[in-house]
């Protein structure tokens, strides 16, 4: 959904309510784990910290959606659960207008040294695809890494017509998201630990 104004709280709430009833705009779930014809794969891995404390903070940061606190991208509801089935609205400001895009958490990643989740686009999203957000503590080096891996293709007409701009925004999101996680780790003021 494209808007000329920043969506109001009631507009976001109504959008999320409708989104809960919508199907994913792609199949199969797990798309971002593989290469699939017709979908562009993008992956970025960056070292964001060192040691178990940084990993713990990075885990909490993902649970709190800190990787979406970018100024030009936000997720609603804030502090939504990262459990499969959770529906969120991703609100984006770009090129003088706003868009709201529905996503559903489709699976979680919870290993001893890895934490993350993937969300998939709903049929009211400008793109079609799936995105993984994951932090890992490397046992050999102690490095904490943040990985974004996405499989996507344009779904809305504006996303198709403006595909070079769309690609630029996707690259900007990956860079800014990694910076947001680094800020969250450095701040060390995470609220939720479960």
Protein backbone atom coordinates (compact mmCIF):
# COMPACT_ATOMS: atom_id res chain seq x y z
CA UNK A 1 0.00 0.00 0.00
CA UNK A 2 1.47 3.33 -1.08
CA UNK A 3 0.58 6.59 0.70
CA UNK A 4 1.41 10.27 0.29
CA UNK A 5 1.55 10.70 4.08
CA UNK A 6 3.10 8.87 7.00
CA UNK A 7 0.54 6.25 8.00
CA UNK A 8 -1.30 7.01 11.22
CA UNK A 9 -1.48 4.52 14.10
CA UNK A 10 -5.09 3.56 13.19
CA UNK A 11 -4.09 3.05 9.53
CA UNK A 12 -1.21 0.77 10.58
CA UNK A 13 -3.45 -1.19 12.96
CA UNK A 14 -6.09 -1.66 10.24
CA UNK A 15 -3.40 -2.74 7.77
CA UNK A 16 -2.05 -5.35 10.22
CA UNK A 17 -5.58 -6.65 10.94
CA UNK A 18 -6.19 -7.19 7.21
CA UNK A 19 -2.70 -8.63 6.72
CA UNK A 20 -3.32 -11.40 9.28
CA UNK A 21 -5.84 -12.94 6.87
CA UNK A 22 -3.58 -12.84 3.79
CA UNK A 23 -1.46 -15.66 2.38
CA UNK A 24 2.23 -15.48 1.58
CA UNK A 25 3.00 -14.08 -1.87
CA UNK A 26 5.44 -16.90 -2.69
CA UNK A 27 6.15 -20.55 -2.04
CA UNK A 28 7.69 -22.62 -0.64
CA UNK A 29 8.57 -21.44 2.87
CA UNK A 30 12.35 -21.70 3.10
CA UNK A 31 12.84 -19.89 -0.20
CA UNK A 32 15.66 -17.73 1.20
CA UNK A 33 17.68 -20.83 2.11
CA UNK A 34 18.03 -21.82 -1.55
CA UNK A 35 18.51 -20.40 -5.01
CA UNK A 36 15.27 -20.38 -6.95
CA UNK A 37 14.63 -19.37 -10.55
CA UNK A 38 12.93 -16.00 -10.85
CA UNK A 39 14.12 -14.71 -7.46
CA UNK A 40 17.13 -12.48 -6.83
CA UNK A 41 19.32 -13.70 -3.95
CA UNK A 42 21.10 -11.10 -1.84
CA UNK A 43 23.28 -11.94 1.13
CA UNK A 44 25.34 -9.80 3.45
CA UNK A 45 27.38 -10.99 6.41
CA UNK A 46 29.18 -8.54 8.67
CA UNK A 47 31.11 -8.88 11.91
CA UNK A 48 29.21 -6.84 14.51
CA UNK A 49 30.96 -7.75 17.75
CA UNK A 50 33.11 -10.14 19.71
CA UNK A 51 32.28 -12.73 22.35
CA UNK A 52 29.32 -14.16 24.20
CA UNK A 53 28.10 -10.85 25.64
CA UNK A 54 27.93 -9.29 22.17
CA UNK A 55 26.10 -12.38 20.89
CA UNK A 56 23.58 -12.15 23.75
CA UNK A 57 22.98 -8.47 23.00
CA UNK A 58 22.65 -9.16 19.29
CA UNK A 59 20.09 -11.88 20.02
CA UNK A 60 18.01 -9.49 22.10
CA UNK A 61 18.38 -6.80 19.42
CA UNK A 62 16.87 -9.16 16.83
CA UNK A 63 14.05 -10.08 19.20
CA UNK A 64 13.33 -6.37 19.60
CA UNK A 65 13.51 -5.67 15.83
CA UNK A 66 16.36 -3.19 16.35
CA UNK A 67 17.56 -4.08 12.84
CA UNK A 68 14.49 -2.21 11.54
CA UNK A 69 15.06 1.00 13.52
CA UNK A 70 16.52 2.90 10.60
CA UNK A 71 14.65 6.20 10.51
CA UNK A 72 13.31 5.49 7.04
CA UNK A 73 12.12 1.92 7.80
CA UNK A 74 10.09 0.82 10.82
CA UNK A 75 8.22 -2.31 11.86
CA UNK A 76 4.85 -2.42 13.63
CA UNK A 77 3.81 -3.49 16.13
CA UNK A 78 7.00 -2.54 17.91
CA UNK A 79 8.48 -5.47 19.83
CA UNK A 80 6.32 -7.97 17.91
CA UNK A 81 7.18 -11.57 18.74
CA UNK A 82 9.63 -13.20 16.34
CA UNK A 83 7.66 -16.46 16.55
CA UNK A 84 6.29 -18.16 13.43
CA UNK A 85 2.87 -16.77 12.54
CA UNK A 86 3.50 -13.22 13.80
CA UNK A 87 2.35 -10.61 11.27
CA UNK A 88 3.99 -7.20 11.03
CA UNK A 89 3.74 -4.10 8.89
CA UNK A 90 7.00 -2.81 7.47
CA UNK A 91 6.61 0.94 6.90
CA UNK A 92 9.07 2.55 4.49
CA UNK A 93 9.61 6.20 3.55
CA UNK A 94 11.07 6.56 0.07
CA UNK A 95 11.06 9.03 -2.80
CA UNK A 96 8.61 11.37 -1.09
CA UNK A 97 5.97 8.80 -0.24
CA UNK A 98 5.32 5.98 2.22
CA UNK A 99 4.54 2.31 1.79
CA UNK A 100 3.16 -0.32 4.13
CA UNK A 101 4.12 -3.91 3.46
CA UNK A 102 2.78 -7.01 5.19
CA UNK A 103 5.12 -9.78 6.40
CA UNK A 104 4.70 -12.95 8.45
CA UNK A 105 7.42 -14.64 10.49
CA UNK A 106 7.71 -18.05 8.85
CA UNK A 107 10.39 -19.80 10.89
CA UNK A 108 12.85 -19.35 13.74
CA UNK A 109 16.52 -20.24 14.07
CA UNK A 110 17.62 -21.16 17.59
CA UNK A 111 20.88 -23.06 18.00
CA UNK A 112 23.57 -22.81 20.67
CA UNK A 113 25.56 -20.27 18.67
CA UNK A 114 22.90 -19.00 16.22
CA UNK A 115 19.70 -17.06 16.61
CA UNK A 116 17.38 -15.57 14.07
CA UNK A 117 14.20 -15.80 12.09
CA UNK A 118 12.81 -15.39 8.60
CA UNK A 119 9.83 -13.43 7.47
CA UNK A 120 7.93 -13.84 4.24
CA UNK A 121 6.02 -11.29 2.23
CA UNK A 122 2.24 -11.30 2.17
CA UNK A 123 0.14 -10.47 -0.89
CA UNK A 124 -0.06 -6.80 0.16
CA UNK A 125 3.75 -6.34 0.00
CA UNK A 126 5.44 -4.53 -2.90
CA UNK A 127 7.94 -7.40 -3.18
CA UNK A 128 7.55 -11.16 -3.17
CA UNK A 129 10.00 -13.27 -1.21
CA UNK A 130 11.58 -14.20 2.08
CA UNK A 131 14.30 -12.69 4.25
CA UNK A 132 16.46 -14.30 6.93
CA UNK A 133 17.93 -12.25 9.80
CA UNK A 134 20.49 -14.17 11.85
CA UNK A 135 23.29 -13.60 14.36
CA UNK A 136 26.02 -16.19 14.91
CA UNK A 137 28.81 -16.58 17.44
CA UNK A 138 31.78 -18.12 15.62
CA UNK A 139 33.40 -20.62 18.02
CA UNK A 140 36.79 -20.51 16.26
CA UNK A 141 37.23 -16.70 16.34
CA UNK A 142 34.67 -15.41 18.84
CA UNK A 143 33.33 -13.10 16.12
CA UNK A 144 29.63 -12.27 16.21
CA UNK A 145 28.21 -11.94 12.71
CA UNK A 146 24.93 -10.58 11.41
CA UNK A 147 23.56 -12.15 8.25
CA UNK A 148 20.76 -10.98 6.02
CA UNK A 149 19.83 -13.33 3.20
CA UNK A 150 16.91 -12.50 0.96
CA UNK A 151 15.19 -14.04 -2.03
CA UNK A 152 13.01 -11.44 -3.75
CA UNK A 153 11.34 -10.25 -6.89
CA UNK A 154 9.05 -7.27 -7.55
CA UNK A 155 5.33 -7.91 -7.07
CA UNK A 156 3.70 -4.45 -7.26
CA UNK A 157 3.72 -2.52 -10.52
CA UNK A 158 5.64 0.41 -8.98
CA UNK A 159 8.32 -1.98 -7.66
CA UNK A 160 8.67 -3.47 -11.15
CA UNK A 161 8.75 -0.14 -12.96
CA UNK A 162 11.26 1.28 -10.50
CA UNK A 163 13.35 -1.88 -10.16
CA UNK A 164 16.75 -0.07 -10.13
CA UNK A 165 15.46 2.13 -7.30
CA UNK A 166 14.06 -0.93 -5.52
CA UNK A 167 17.46 -2.65 -5.74
CA UNK A 168 19.16 0.46 -4.39
CA UNK A 169 16.75 0.58 -1.43
CA UNK A 170 17.35 -3.11 -0.71
CA UNK A 171 21.12 -2.55 -0.61
CA UNK A 172 20.65 0.50 1.61
CA UNK A 173 18.44 -1.53 3.96
CA UNK A 174 21.13 -4.21 4.34
CA UNK A 175 23.81 -1.62 5.17
CA UNK A 176 21.61 0.38 7.54
CA UNK A 177 20.27 -2.73 9.24
CA UNK A 178 23.80 -3.92 10.08
CA UNK A 179 24.61 -0.46 11.47
CA UNK A 180 21.44 -0.56 13.60
CA UNK A 181 22.47 -3.90 15.14
CA UNK A 182 25.95 -2.53 15.91
CA UNK A 183 24.33 0.48 17.64
CA UNK A 184 22.04 -1.81 19.64
CA UNK A 185 24.97 -3.94 20.81
CA UNK A 186 27.02 -0.87 21.76
CA UNK A 187 24.08 0.63 23.66
CA UNK A 188 23.66 -2.44 25.84
CA UNK A 189 20.28 -1.19 27.03
CA UNK A 190 18.10 -3.97 25.69
CA UNK A 191 14.76 -4.31 27.45
CA UNK A 192 13.62 -7.86 26.72
CA UNK A 193 15.68 -10.96 27.40
CA UNK A 194 13.28 -13.83 26.65
